[in-house]
Amino acid sequence: MAKTSMVMREVKRAKLVKKFATKRDALKEAIKNPKLSFEEREEARMKLQQLPRDSSPIRARSRCHLTGRAHGGLSEIRAWSKRITKAGDGRSRARFSEGELVIKAE
């Protein structure tokens, strides 16, 4: 089980990413726009740097949805691979269906 503080930190980052997504995208478009003058693009770079670091989507860490563990997770089902193996217990088959982890006995 991951520390609660680490999981809550990830929740906080996800909220910041949502909050600043439109502003961040607009500034990135301004930086890439060759029609703007150098000064305008430089001003957009400075504004982008002043946004919170945690508002960048790259800082988000993928975690197991069940335990909060940071490494070894399968991204499509948001679960730790060993957790799936334990849930299956070797006698059943785990599969992903409509956003849910389904464990079927064989």
Protein backbone atom coordinates (compact mmCIF):
# COMPACT_ATOMS: atom_id res chain seq x y z
CA MET A 1 0.00 0.00 0.00
CA ALA A 2 1.34 3.43 -0.90
CA LYS A 3 1.57 6.22 1.63
CA THR A 4 -1.62 8.22 1.77
CA SER A 5 0.31 11.47 1.38
CA MET A 6 1.75 10.31 -1.95
CA VAL A 7 -1.65 9.34 -3.31
CA MET A 8 -3.14 12.66 -2.18
CA ARG A 9 -0.25 14.51 -3.84
CA GLU A 10 -1.17 12.83 -7.12
CA VAL A 11 -4.81 13.83 -6.65
CA LYS A 12 -3.72 17.43 -6.10
CA ARG A 13 -1.58 17.32 -9.26
CA ALA A 14 -4.50 15.98 -11.29
CA LYS A 15 -6.67 18.88 -10.12
CA LEU A 16 -3.98 21.41 -11.05
CA VAL A 17 -3.56 19.85 -14.49
CA LYS A 18 -7.29 20.25 -15.15
CA LYS A 19 -7.37 23.79 -13.77
CA PHE A 20 -4.52 25.13 -15.90
CA ALA A 21 -4.96 22.98 -19.04
CA THR A 22 -6.55 25.65 -21.26
CA LYS A 23 -4.17 28.40 -20.16
CA ARG A 24 -1.17 26.12 -20.64
CA ASP A 25 -2.32 25.08 -24.13
CA ALA A 26 -2.91 28.69 -25.18
CA LEU A 27 0.56 29.72 -24.03
CA LYS A 28 2.19 26.78 -25.82
CA GLU A 29 0.38 27.69 -29.04
CA ALA A 30 1.60 31.28 -28.69
CA ILE A 31 5.17 30.07 -28.22
CA LYS A 32 4.99 27.89 -31.35
CA ASN A 33 3.30 30.58 -33.49
CA PRO A 34 5.92 31.94 -35.94
CA LYS A 35 3.69 34.90 -36.85
CA LEU A 36 4.13 36.48 -33.41
CA SER A 37 7.09 38.70 -32.71
CA PHE A 38 10.02 37.46 -30.65
CA GLU A 39 8.99 39.64 -27.70
CA GLU A 40 5.44 38.25 -27.66
CA ARG A 41 6.71 34.67 -27.78
CA GLU A 42 9.23 35.43 -25.04
CA GLU A 43 6.45 36.91 -22.90
CA ALA A 44 4.40 33.72 -23.40
CA ARG A 45 7.43 31.65 -22.31
CA MET A 46 7.76 33.68 -19.14
CA LYS A 47 4.05 33.29 -18.34
CA LEU A 48 4.31 29.54 -18.92
CA GLN A 49 7.26 29.34 -16.53
CA GLN A 50 5.26 31.14 -13.84
CA LEU A 51 2.50 28.51 -13.85
CA PRO A 52 2.76 25.92 -11.05
CA ARG A 53 5.09 23.04 -11.91
CA ASP A 54 2.51 20.51 -10.83
CA SER A 55 0.12 21.84 -13.47
CA SER A 56 2.20 20.09 -16.13
CA PRO A 57 0.65 16.75 -17.13
CA ILE A 58 4.09 15.14 -17.41
CA ARG A 59 4.55 15.30 -13.62
CA ALA A 60 1.58 13.01 -12.99
CA ARG A 61 2.55 9.51 -11.91
CA SER A 62 0.54 6.50 -12.99
CA ARG A 63 -0.47 4.51 -9.93
CA CYS A 64 -2.34 1.31 -9.21
CA HIS A 65 -6.01 2.14 -8.75
CA LEU A 66 -6.39 -0.50 -6.03
CA THR A 67 -3.25 -0.04 -3.89
CA GLY A 68 -1.67 3.24 -4.98
CA ARG A 69 1.61 1.54 -5.87
CA ALA A 70 3.68 3.60 -8.33
CA HIS A 71 5.63 0.96 -10.31
CA GLY A 72 4.57 -2.12 -12.24
CA GLY A 73 1.11 -0.89 -13.14
CA LEU A 74 -0.76 -1.76 -16.30
CA SER A 75 -1.92 1.56 -17.72
CA GLU A 76 -5.02 0.33 -19.51
CA ILE A 77 -6.58 -1.11 -16.35
CA ARG A 78 -4.82 1.14 -13.82
CA ALA A 79 -3.86 -1.82 -11.63
CA TRP A 80 -0.63 -3.36 -10.38
CA SER A 81 0.21 -6.53 -12.30
CA LYS A 82 0.92 -8.60 -9.17
CA ARG A 83 -2.41 -7.50 -7.71
CA ILE A 84 -4.15 -8.95 -10.75
CA THR A 85 -2.20 -12.19 -10.34
CA LYS A 86 -3.16 -12.40 -6.66
CA ALA A 87 -6.79 -11.69 -7.50
CA GLY A 88 -6.75 -14.46 -10.07
CA ASP A 89 -5.00 -16.84 -7.64
CA GLY A 90 -3.81 -18.96 -10.57
CA ARG A 91 -7.21 -20.61 -11.09
CA SER A 92 -9.04 -17.79 -12.81
CA ARG A 93 -8.51 -15.45 -15.71
CA ALA A 94 -8.35 -11.67 -15.28
CA ARG A 95 -9.48 -9.45 -18.13
CA PHE A 96 -10.38 -5.84 -18.68
CA SER A 97 -13.95 -5.04 -19.72
CA GLU A 98 -15.60 -1.61 -20.00
CA GLY A 99 -13.32 0.11 -17.49
CA GLU A 100 -13.59 -2.67 -14.89
CA LEU A 101 -11.29 -5.50 -13.93
CA VAL A 102 -13.24 -8.75 -14.35
CA ILE A 103 -11.96 -11.98 -12.82
CA LYS A 104 -13.55 -15.13 -14.21
CA ALA A 105 -13.10 -18.64 -12.77
CA GLU A 106 -11.99 -21.18 -15.33
